[in-house]
Amino acid sequence: MESKTKSKIALGLILGVAAGAAVYYFMTNEDGKQQLSNVIDAVKDFSDKAKNAAVEQGSKLADKASKLASEYSSKAQDATSSLAQEARKNVEQVG
């Protein structure tokens, strides 16, 4: 158990050093700064595209839900009207 903990700590340390070295590289030379800027731009573009796709899909789902609600409401009104007419006929026949 203790060796697993030490292994995790060592792995975390190695990953931290690697991440720090990458940041240092990107921040200390012009090519690295340009690459970092490109990565940031790509992430922003991806984020914008994902957001737009989510908004579009949400809008489509809302439209579909609205159409289905309207359709089922109409069917319910038709069924209610039909039952009411049938009830009137039955009352007239009894009365």
PDB file of N, CA and C in Angstrom:
ATOM      1  N   MET A   1       0.823  -1.188   0.000  1.00  0.00           N
ATOM      2  CA  MET A   1       0.000   0.000   0.000  1.00  0.00           C
ATOM      3  C   MET A   1       0.866   1.250   0.000  1.00  0.00           C
ATOM      4  N   GLU A   2       1.896   1.236   0.818  1.00  0.00           N
ATOM      5  CA  GLU A   2       2.783   2.382   0.913  1.00  0.00           C
ATOM      6  C   GLU A   2       3.542   2.593  -0.390  1.00  0.00           C
ATOM      7  N   SER A   3       3.891   1.510  -1.081  1.00  0.00           N
ATOM      8  CA  SER A   3       4.623   1.645  -2.340  1.00  0.00           C
ATOM      9  C   SER A   3       3.728   2.238  -3.426  1.00  0.00           C
ATOM     10  N   LYS A   4       2.408   1.939  -3.380  1.00  0.00           N
ATOM     11  CA  LYS A   4       1.480   2.531  -4.347  1.00  0.00           C
ATOM     12  C   LYS A   4       1.403   4.036  -4.137  1.00  0.00           C
ATOM     13  N   THR A   5       1.353   4.444  -2.899  1.00  0.00           N
ATOM     14  CA  THR A   5       1.299   5.868  -2.575  1.00  0.00           C
ATOM     15  C   THR A   5       2.566   6.569  -3.047  1.00  0.00           C
ATOM     16  N   LYS A   6       3.713   5.942  -2.800  1.00  0.00           N
ATOM     17  CA  LYS A   6       4.978   6.529  -3.245  1.00  0.00           C
ATOM     18  C   LYS A   6       5.030   6.591  -4.769  1.00  0.00           C
ATOM     19  N   SER A   7       4.508   5.561  -5.436  1.00  0.00           N
ATOM     20  CA  SER A   7       4.493   5.552  -6.904  1.00  0.00           C
ATOM     21  C   SER A   7       3.619   6.679  -7.436  1.00  0.00           C
ATOM     22  N   LYS A   8       2.465   6.887  -6.803  1.00  0.00           N
ATOM     23  CA  LYS A   8       1.566   7.961  -7.227  1.00  0.00           C
ATOM     24  C   LYS A   8       2.209   9.326  -7.008  1.00  0.00           C
ATOM     25  N   ILE A   9       2.894   9.471  -5.893  1.00  0.00           N
ATOM     26  CA  ILE A   9       3.580  10.738  -5.614  1.00  0.00           C
ATOM     27  C   ILE A   9       4.678  10.972  -6.640  1.00  0.00           C
ATOM     28  N   ALA A  10       5.439   9.930  -6.951  1.00  0.00           N
ATOM     29  CA  ALA A  10       6.518  10.057  -7.932  1.00  0.00           C
ATOM     30  C   ALA A  10       5.950  10.393  -9.306  1.00  0.00           C
ATOM     31  N   LEU A  11       4.860   9.723  -9.690  1.00  0.00           N
ATOM     32  CA  LEU A  11       4.235  10.006 -10.985  1.00  0.00           C
ATOM     33  C   LEU A  11       3.731  11.445 -11.032  1.00  0.00           C
ATOM     34  N   GLY A  12       3.097  11.889  -9.965  1.00  0.00           N
ATOM     35  CA  GLY A  12       2.622  13.268  -9.898  1.00  0.00           C
ATOM     36  C   GLY A  12       3.758  14.261  -9.999  1.00  0.00           C
ATOM     37  N   LEU A  13       4.865  13.955  -9.347  1.00  0.00           N
ATOM     38  CA  LEU A  13       6.037  14.822  -9.401  1.00  0.00           C
ATOM     39  C   LEU A  13       6.595  14.890 -10.816  1.00  0.00           C
ATOM     40  N   ILE A  14       6.706  13.740 -11.468  1.00  0.00           N
ATOM     41  CA  ILE A  14       7.221  13.693 -12.845  1.00  0.00           C
ATOM     42  C   ILE A  14       6.309  14.469 -13.784  1.00  0.00           C
ATOM     43  N   LEU A  15       4.993  14.252 -13.661  1.00  0.00           N
ATOM     44  CA  LEU A  15       4.051  14.981 -14.513  1.00  0.00           C
ATOM     45  C   LEU A  15       4.098  16.480 -14.238  1.00  0.00           C
ATOM     46  N   GLY A  16       4.242  16.854 -12.992  1.00  0.00           N
ATOM     47  CA  GLY A  16       4.342  18.269 -12.645  1.00  0.00           C
ATOM     48  C   GLY A  16       5.578  18.917 -13.232  1.00  0.00           C
ATOM     49  N   VAL A  17       6.711  18.210 -13.156  1.00  0.00           N
ATOM     50  CA  VAL A  17       7.954  18.727 -13.733  1.00  0.00           C
ATOM     51  C   VAL A  17       7.814  18.852 -15.246  1.00  0.00           C
ATOM     52  N   ALA A  18       7.201  17.838 -15.882  1.00  0.00           N
ATOM     53  CA  ALA A  18       7.019  17.879 -17.341  1.00  0.00           C
ATOM     54  C   ALA A  18       6.117  19.045 -17.737  1.00  0.00           C
ATOM     55  N   ALA A  19       5.035  19.234 -17.000  1.00  0.00           N
ATOM     56  CA  ALA A  19       4.130  20.348 -17.292  1.00  0.00           C
ATOM     57  C   ALA A  19       4.843  21.682 -17.086  1.00  0.00           C
ATOM     58  N   GLY A  20       5.620  21.786 -16.031  1.00  0.00           N
ATOM     59  CA  GLY A  20       6.377  23.014 -15.778  1.00  0.00           C
ATOM     60  C   GLY A  20       7.387  23.291 -16.873  1.00  0.00           C
ATOM     61  N   ALA A  21       8.058  22.240 -17.340  1.00  0.00           N
ATOM     62  CA  ALA A  21       9.030  22.408 -18.427  1.00  0.00           C
ATOM     63  C   ALA A  21       8.336  22.862 -19.702  1.00  0.00           C
ATOM     64  N   ALA A  22       7.158  22.302 -19.979  1.00  0.00           N
ATOM     65  CA  ALA A  22       6.416  22.695 -21.181  1.00  0.00           C
ATOM     66  C   ALA A  22       6.006  24.163 -21.097  1.00  0.00           C
ATOM     67  N   VAL A  23       5.511  24.569 -19.952  1.00  0.00           N
ATOM     68  CA  VAL A  23       5.116  25.971 -19.772  1.00  0.00           C
ATOM     69  C   VAL A  23       6.333  26.879 -19.902  1.00  0.00           C
ATOM     70  N   TYR A  24       7.430  26.493 -19.297  1.00  0.00           N
ATOM     71  CA  TYR A  24       8.662  27.278 -19.399  1.00  0.00           C
ATOM     72  C   TYR A  24       9.072  27.430 -20.860  1.00  0.00           C
ATOM     73  N   TYR A  25       9.026  26.334 -21.620  1.00  0.00           N
ATOM     74  CA  TYR A  25       9.393  26.374 -23.035  1.00  0.00           C
ATOM     75  C   TYR A  25       8.486  27.337 -23.789  1.00  0.00           C
ATOM     76  N   PHE A  26       7.195  27.198 -23.564  1.00  0.00           N
ATOM     77  CA  PHE A  26       6.253  28.044 -24.294  1.00  0.00           C
ATOM     78  C   PHE A  26       6.391  29.519 -23.922  1.00  0.00           C
ATOM     79  N   MET A  27       6.775  29.796 -22.712  1.00  0.00           N
ATOM     80  CA  MET A  27       6.818  31.176 -22.266  1.00  0.00           C
ATOM     81  C   MET A  27       8.165  31.860 -22.487  1.00  0.00           C
ATOM     82  N   THR A  28       9.212  31.108 -22.854  1.00  0.00           N
ATOM     83  CA  THR A  28      10.532  31.732 -22.935  1.00  0.00           C
ATOM     84  C   THR A  28      11.052  31.943 -24.341  1.00  0.00           C
ATOM     85  N   ASN A  29      10.474  31.327 -25.350  1.00  0.00           N
ATOM     86  CA  ASN A  29      10.971  31.617 -26.695  1.00  0.00           C
ATOM     87  C   ASN A  29       9.807  32.011 -27.599  1.00  0.00           C
ATOM     88  N   GLU A  30      10.122  32.750 -28.631  1.00  0.00           N
ATOM     89  CA  GLU A  30       9.085  33.296 -29.508  1.00  0.00           C
ATOM     90  C   GLU A  30       8.289  32.203 -30.211  1.00  0.00           C
ATOM     91  N   ASP A  31       8.979  31.162 -30.668  1.00  0.00           N
ATOM     92  CA  ASP A  31       8.272  30.069 -31.331  1.00  0.00           C
ATOM     93  C   ASP A  31       7.300  29.402 -30.360  1.00  0.00           C
ATOM     94  N   GLY A  32       7.741  29.225 -29.139  1.00  0.00           N
ATOM     95  CA  GLY A  32       6.881  28.631 -28.118  1.00  0.00           C
ATOM     96  C   GLY A  32       5.680  29.507 -27.812  1.00  0.00           C
ATOM     97  N   LYS A  33       5.917  30.819 -27.732  1.00  0.00           N
ATOM     98  CA  LYS A  33       4.811  31.747 -27.485  1.00  0.00           C
ATOM     99  C   LYS A  33       3.801  31.697 -28.623  1.00  0.00           C
ATOM    100  N   GLN A  34       4.316  31.616 -29.872  1.00  0.00           N
ATOM    101  CA  GLN A  34       3.422  31.538 -31.026  1.00  0.00           C
ATOM    102  C   GLN A  34       2.631  30.229 -31.003  1.00  0.00           C
ATOM    103  N   GLN A  35       3.309  29.137 -30.674  1.00  0.00           N
ATOM    104  CA  GLN A  35       2.619  27.846 -30.597  1.00  0.00           C
ATOM    105  C   GLN A  35       1.563  27.858 -29.500  1.00  0.00           C
ATOM    106  N   LEU A  36       1.899  28.434 -28.369  1.00  0.00           N
ATOM    107  CA  LEU A  36       0.934  28.533 -27.276  1.00  0.00           C
ATOM    108  C   LEU A  36      -0.264  29.377 -27.705  1.00  0.00           C
ATOM    109  N   SER A  37       0.008  30.468 -28.399  1.00  0.00           N
ATOM    110  CA  SER A  37      -1.068  31.314 -28.902  1.00  0.00           C
ATOM    111  C   SER A  37      -1.949  30.539 -29.880  1.00  0.00           C
ATOM    112  N   ASN A  38      -1.315  29.746 -30.744  1.00  0.00           N
ATOM    113  CA  ASN A  38      -2.075  28.929 -31.698  1.00  0.00           C
ATOM    114  C   ASN A  38      -2.950  27.906 -30.978  1.00  0.00           C
ATOM    115  N   VAL A  39      -2.388  27.292 -29.945  1.00  0.00           N
ATOM    116  CA  VAL A  39      -3.155  26.306 -29.172  1.00  0.00           C
ATOM    117  C   VAL A  39      -4.343  26.983 -28.493  1.00  0.00           C
ATOM    118  N   ILE A  40      -4.097  28.143 -27.907  1.00  0.00           N
ATOM    119  CA  ILE A  40      -5.177  28.873 -27.236  1.00  0.00           C
ATOM    120  C   ILE A  40      -6.265  29.244 -28.240  1.00  0.00           C
ATOM    121  N   ASP A  41      -5.868  29.723 -29.425  1.00  0.00           N
ATOM    122  CA  ASP A  41      -6.844  30.060 -30.460  1.00  0.00           C
ATOM    123  C   ASP A  41      -7.644  28.833 -30.891  1.00  0.00           C
ATOM    124  N   ALA A  42      -6.960  27.705 -31.051  1.00  0.00           N
ATOM    125  CA  ALA A  42      -7.640  26.471 -31.455  1.00  0.00           C
ATOM    126  C   ALA A  42      -8.640  26.029 -30.391  1.00  0.00           C
ATOM    127  N   VAL A  43      -8.256  26.156 -29.127  1.00  0.00           N
ATOM    128  CA  VAL A  43      -9.166  25.781 -28.040  1.00  0.00           C
ATOM    129  C   VAL A  43     -10.380  26.709 -28.031  1.00  0.00           C
ATOM    130  N   LYS A  44     -10.160  28.003 -28.239  1.00  0.00           N
ATOM    131  CA  LYS A  44     -11.277  28.953 -28.286  1.00  0.00           C
ATOM    132  C   LYS A  44     -12.204  28.637 -29.455  1.00  0.00           C
ATOM    133  N   ASP A  45     -11.621  28.346 -30.633  1.00  0.00           N
ATOM    134  CA  ASP A  45     -12.436  28.000 -31.798  1.00  0.00           C
ATOM    135  C   ASP A  45     -13.267  26.756 -31.529  1.00  0.00           C
ATOM    136  N   PHE A  46     -12.623  25.739 -30.960  1.00  0.00           N
ATOM    137  CA  PHE A  46     -13.338  24.504 -30.648  1.00  0.00           C
ATOM    138  C   PHE A  46     -14.460  24.775 -29.653  1.00  0.00           C
ATOM    139  N   SER A  47     -14.160  25.592 -28.653  1.00  0.00           N
ATOM    140  CA  SER A  47     -15.158  25.926 -27.639  1.00  0.00           C
ATOM    141  C   SER A  47     -16.349  26.647 -28.266  1.00  0.00           C
ATOM    142  N   ASP A  48     -16.070  27.597 -29.157  1.00  0.00           N
ATOM    143  CA  ASP A  48     -17.145  28.322 -29.836  1.00  0.00           C
ATOM    144  C   ASP A  48     -17.986  27.383 -30.696  1.00  0.00           C
ATOM    145  N   LYS A  49     -17.316  26.494 -31.431  1.00  0.00           N
ATOM    146  CA  LYS A  49     -18.051  25.549 -32.274  1.00  0.00           C
ATOM    147  C   LYS A  49     -18.909  24.616 -31.436  1.00  0.00           C
ATOM    148  N   ALA A  50     -18.364  24.145 -30.327  1.00  0.00           N
ATOM    149  CA  ALA A  50     -19.121  23.252 -29.445  1.00  0.00           C
ATOM    150  C   ALA A  50     -20.329  23.981 -28.856  1.00  0.00           C
ATOM    151  N   LYS A  51     -20.123  25.243 -28.460  1.00  0.00           N
ATOM    152  CA  LYS A  51     -21.220  26.030 -27.898  1.00  0.00           C
ATOM    153  C   LYS A  51     -22.311  26.243 -28.938  1.00  0.00           C
ATOM    154  N   ASN A  52     -21.909  26.616 -30.157  1.00  0.00           N
ATOM    155  CA  ASN A  52     -22.886  26.845 -31.217  1.00  0.00           C
ATOM    156  C   ASN A  52     -23.650  25.571 -31.557  1.00  0.00           C
ATOM    157  N   ALA A  53     -22.946  24.447 -31.600  1.00  0.00           N
ATOM    158  CA  ALA A  53     -23.602  23.172 -31.886  1.00  0.00           C
ATOM    159  C   ALA A  53     -24.600  22.830 -30.781  1.00  0.00           C
ATOM    160  N   ALA A  54     -24.225  23.079 -29.537  1.00  0.00           N
ATOM    161  CA  ALA A  54     -25.125  22.792 -28.416  1.00  0.00           C
ATOM    162  C   ALA A  54     -26.363  23.681 -28.473  1.00  0.00           C
ATOM    163  N   VAL A  55     -26.173  24.948 -28.784  1.00  0.00           N
ATOM    164  CA  VAL A  55     -27.306  25.872 -28.892  1.00  0.00           C
ATOM    165  C   VAL A  55     -28.223  25.439 -30.027  1.00  0.00           C
ATOM    166  N   GLU A  56     -27.637  25.070 -31.159  1.00  0.00           N
ATOM    167  CA  GLU A  56     -28.431  24.638 -32.316  1.00  0.00           C
ATOM    168  C   GLU A  56     -29.224  23.373 -31.986  1.00  0.00           C
ATOM    169  N   GLN A  57     -28.564  22.400 -31.373  1.00  0.00           N
ATOM    170  CA  GLN A  57     -29.257  21.159 -31.012  1.00  0.00           C
ATOM    171  C   GLN A  57     -30.354  21.436 -29.983  1.00  0.00           C
ATOM    172  N   GLY A  58     -30.075  22.307 -29.038  1.00  0.00           N
ATOM    173  CA  GLY A  58     -31.083  22.666 -28.043  1.00  0.00           C
ATOM    174  C   GLY A  58     -32.292  23.312 -28.688  1.00  0.00           C
ATOM    175  N   SER A  59     -32.049  24.172 -29.655  1.00  0.00           N
ATOM    176  CA  SER A  59     -33.137  24.831 -30.373  1.00  0.00           C
ATOM    177  C   SER A  59     -33.966  23.814 -31.153  1.00  0.00           C
ATOM    178  N   LYS A  60     -33.278  22.880 -31.819  1.00  0.00           N
ATOM    179  CA  LYS A  60     -33.994  21.840 -32.570  1.00  0.00           C
ATOM    180  C   LYS A  60     -34.852  20.992 -31.641  1.00  0.00           C
ATOM    181  N   LEU A  61     -34.285  20.614 -30.495  1.00  0.00           N
ATOM    182  CA  LEU A  61     -35.045  19.802 -29.540  1.00  0.00           C
ATOM    183  C   LEU A  61     -36.237  20.573 -28.980  1.00  0.00           C
ATOM    184  N   ALA A  62     -36.056  21.860 -28.720  1.00  0.00           N
ATOM    185  CA  ALA A  62     -37.157  22.675 -28.211  1.00  0.00           C
ATOM    186  C   ALA A  62     -38.271  22.773 -29.245  1.00  0.00           C
ATOM    187  N   ASP A  63     -37.907  22.957 -30.517  1.00  0.00           N
ATOM    188  CA  ASP A  63     -38.909  23.009 -31.582  1.00  0.00           C
ATOM    189  C   ASP A  63     -39.664  21.689 -31.684  1.00  0.00           C
ATOM    190  N   LYS A  64     -38.924  20.591 -31.632  1.00  0.00           N
ATOM    191  CA  LYS A  64     -39.550  19.273 -31.725  1.00  0.00           C
ATOM    192  C   LYS A  64     -40.494  19.045 -30.543  1.00  0.00           C
ATOM    193  N   ALA A  65     -40.055  19.419 -29.350  1.00  0.00           N
ATOM    194  CA  ALA A  65     -40.893  19.259 -28.163  1.00  0.00           C
ATOM    195  C   ALA A  65     -42.156  20.102 -28.278  1.00  0.00           C
ATOM    196  N   SER A  66     -42.025  21.308 -28.794  1.00  0.00           N
ATOM    197  CA  SER A  66     -43.178  22.186 -28.968  1.00  0.00           C
ATOM    198  C   SER A  66     -44.172  21.590 -29.962  1.00  0.00           C
ATOM    199  N   LYS A  67     -43.660  21.057 -31.071  1.00  0.00           N
ATOM    200  CA  LYS A  67     -44.539  20.440 -32.074  1.00  0.00           C
ATOM    201  C   LYS A  67     -45.258  19.225 -31.497  1.00  0.00           C
ATOM    202  N   LEU A  68     -44.514  18.388 -30.764  1.00  0.00           N
ATOM    203  CA  LEU A  68     -45.134  17.203 -30.165  1.00  0.00           C
ATOM    204  C   LEU A  68     -46.184  17.597 -29.129  1.00  0.00           C
ATOM    205  N   ALA A  69     -45.893  18.602 -28.335  1.00  0.00           N
ATOM    206  CA  ALA A  69     -46.850  19.059 -27.329  1.00  0.00           C
ATOM    207  C   ALA A  69     -48.118  19.565 -27.999  1.00  0.00           C
ATOM    208  N   SER A  70     -47.960  20.315 -29.067  1.00  0.00           N
ATOM    209  CA  SER A  70     -49.113  20.826 -29.800  1.00  0.00           C
ATOM    210  C   SER A  70     -49.922  19.682 -30.406  1.00  0.00           C
ATOM    211  N   GLU A  71     -49.212  18.712 -30.983  1.00  0.00           N
ATOM    212  CA  GLU A  71     -49.880  17.561 -31.599  1.00  0.00           C
ATOM    213  C   GLU A  71     -50.672  16.767 -30.559  1.00  0.00           C
ATOM    214  N   TYR A  72     -50.046  16.482 -29.423  1.00  0.00           N
ATOM    215  CA  TYR A  72     -50.732  15.705 -28.389  1.00  0.00           C
ATOM    216  C   TYR A  72     -51.870  16.497 -27.750  1.00  0.00           C
ATOM    217  N   SER A  73     -51.709  17.798 -27.638  1.00  0.00           N
ATOM    218  CA  SER A  73     -52.775  18.639 -27.112  1.00  0.00           C
ATOM    219  C   SER A  73     -53.979  18.594 -28.041  1.00  0.00           C
ATOM    220  N   SER A  74     -53.719  18.676 -29.337  1.00  0.00           N
ATOM    221  CA  SER A  74     -54.793  18.609 -30.329  1.00  0.00           C
ATOM    222  C   SER A  74     -55.501  17.259 -30.269  1.00  0.00           C
ATOM    223  N   LYS A  75     -54.713  16.184 -30.157  1.00  0.00           N
ATOM    224  CA  LYS A  75     -55.310  14.845 -30.064  1.00  0.00           C
ATOM    225  C   LYS A  75     -56.154  14.712 -28.800  1.00  0.00           C
ATOM    226  N   ALA A  76     -55.680  15.268 -27.704  1.00  0.00           N
ATOM    227  CA  ALA A  76     -56.429  15.205 -26.452  1.00  0.00           C
ATOM    228  C   ALA A  76     -57.730  15.988 -26.563  1.00  0.00           C
ATOM    229  N   GLN A  77     -57.686  17.152 -27.205  1.00  0.00           N
ATOM    230  CA  GLN A  77     -58.899  17.944 -27.392  1.00  0.00           C
ATOM    231  C   GLN A  77     -59.893  17.200 -28.272  1.00  0.00           C
ATOM    232  N   ASP A  78     -59.402  16.576 -29.337  1.00  0.00           N
ATOM    233  CA  ASP A  78     -60.279  15.801 -30.218  1.00  0.00           C
ATOM    234  C   ASP A  78     -60.930  14.649 -29.462  1.00  0.00           C
ATOM    235  N   ALA A  79     -60.133  13.942 -28.676  1.00  0.00           N
ATOM    236  CA  ALA A  79     -60.662  12.810 -27.911  1.00  0.00           C
ATOM    237  C   ALA A  79     -61.688  13.287 -26.891  1.00  0.00           C
ATOM    238  N   THR A  80     -61.426  14.398 -26.231  1.00  0.00           N
ATOM    239  CA  THR A  80     -62.355  14.942 -25.246  1.00  0.00           C
ATOM    240  C   THR A  80     -63.657  15.359 -25.915  1.00  0.00           C
ATOM    241  N   SER A  81     -63.542  16.008 -27.046  1.00  0.00           N
ATOM    242  CA  SER A  81     -64.726  16.434 -27.788  1.00  0.00           C
ATOM    243  C   SER A  81     -65.551  15.231 -28.228  1.00  0.00           C
ATOM    244  N   SER A  82     -64.884  14.213 -28.717  1.00  0.00           N
ATOM    245  CA  SER A  82     -65.568  13.003 -29.157  1.00  0.00           C
ATOM    246  C   SER A  82     -66.289  12.331 -27.993  1.00  0.00           C
ATOM    247  N   LEU A  83     -65.626  12.239 -26.860  1.00  0.00           N
ATOM    248  CA  LEU A  83     -66.255  11.640 -25.678  1.00  0.00           C
ATOM    249  C   LEU A  83     -67.440  12.476 -25.199  1.00  0.00           C
ATOM    250  N   ALA A  84     -67.313  13.791 -25.265  1.00  0.00           N
ATOM    251  CA  ALA A  84     -68.404  14.668 -24.844  1.00  0.00           C
ATOM    252  C   ALA A  84     -69.612  14.483 -25.757  1.00  0.00           C
ATOM    253  N   GLN A  85     -69.384  14.379 -27.062  1.00  0.00           N
ATOM    254  CA  GLN A  85     -70.490  14.160 -28.004  1.00  0.00           C
ATOM    255  C   GLN A  85     -71.162  12.817 -27.742  1.00  0.00           C
ATOM    256  N   GLU A  86     -70.359  11.805 -27.494  1.00  0.00           N
ATOM    257  CA  GLU A  86     -70.903  10.479 -27.221  1.00  0.00           C
ATOM    258  C   GLU A  86     -71.715  10.494 -25.926  1.00  0.00           C
ATOM    259  N   ALA A  87     -71.228  11.224 -24.932  1.00  0.00           N
ATOM    260  CA  ALA A  87     -71.958  11.325 -23.666  1.00  0.00           C
ATOM    261  C   ALA A  87     -73.289  12.035 -23.875  1.00  0.00           C
ATOM    262  N   ARG A  88     -73.309  13.090 -24.690  1.00  0.00           N
ATOM    263  CA  ARG A  88     -74.557  13.812 -24.980  1.00  0.00           C
ATOM    264  C   ARG A  88     -75.566  12.889 -25.653  1.00  0.00           C
ATOM    265  N   LYS A  89     -75.081  12.101 -26.621  1.00  0.00           N
ATOM    266  CA  LYS A  89     -75.967  11.163 -27.318  1.00  0.00           C
ATOM    267  C   LYS A  89     -76.559  10.156 -26.337  1.00  0.00           C
ATOM    268  N   ASN A  90     -75.719   9.652 -25.445  1.00  0.00           N
ATOM    269  CA  ASN A  90     -76.204   8.682 -24.462  1.00  0.00           C
ATOM    270  C   ASN A  90     -77.231   9.309 -23.524  1.00  0.00           C
ATOM    271  N   VAL A  91     -76.991  10.550 -23.120  1.00  0.00           N
ATOM    272  CA  VAL A  91     -77.936  11.249 -22.247  1.00  0.00           C
ATOM    273  C   VAL A  91     -79.251  11.463 -22.978  1.00  0.00           C
ATOM    274  N   GLU A  92     -79.177  11.854 -24.266  1.00  0.00           N
ATOM    275  CA  GLU A  92     -80.393  12.072 -25.052  1.00  0.00           C
ATOM    276  C   GLU A  92     -81.174  10.771 -25.223  1.00  0.00           C
ATOM    277  N   GLN A  93     -80.482   9.669 -25.408  1.00  0.00           N
ATOM    278  CA  GLN A  93     -81.154   8.382 -25.584  1.00  0.00           C
ATOM    279  C   GLN A  93     -81.834   7.945 -24.289  1.00  0.00           C
ATOM    280  N   VAL A  94     -81.194   8.203 -23.167  1.00  0.00           N
ATOM    281  CA  VAL A  94     -81.764   7.817 -21.880  1.00  0.00           C
ATOM    282  C   VAL A  94     -82.918   8.738 -21.531  1.00  0.00           C
ATOM    283  N   GLY A  95     -82.768  10.003 -21.814  1.00  0.00           N
ATOM    284  CA  GLY A  95     -83.744  11.012 -21.420  1.00  0.00           C
ATOM    285  C   GLY A  95     -84.859  11.101 -22.332  1.00  0.00           C
TER     286      GLY A  95
END
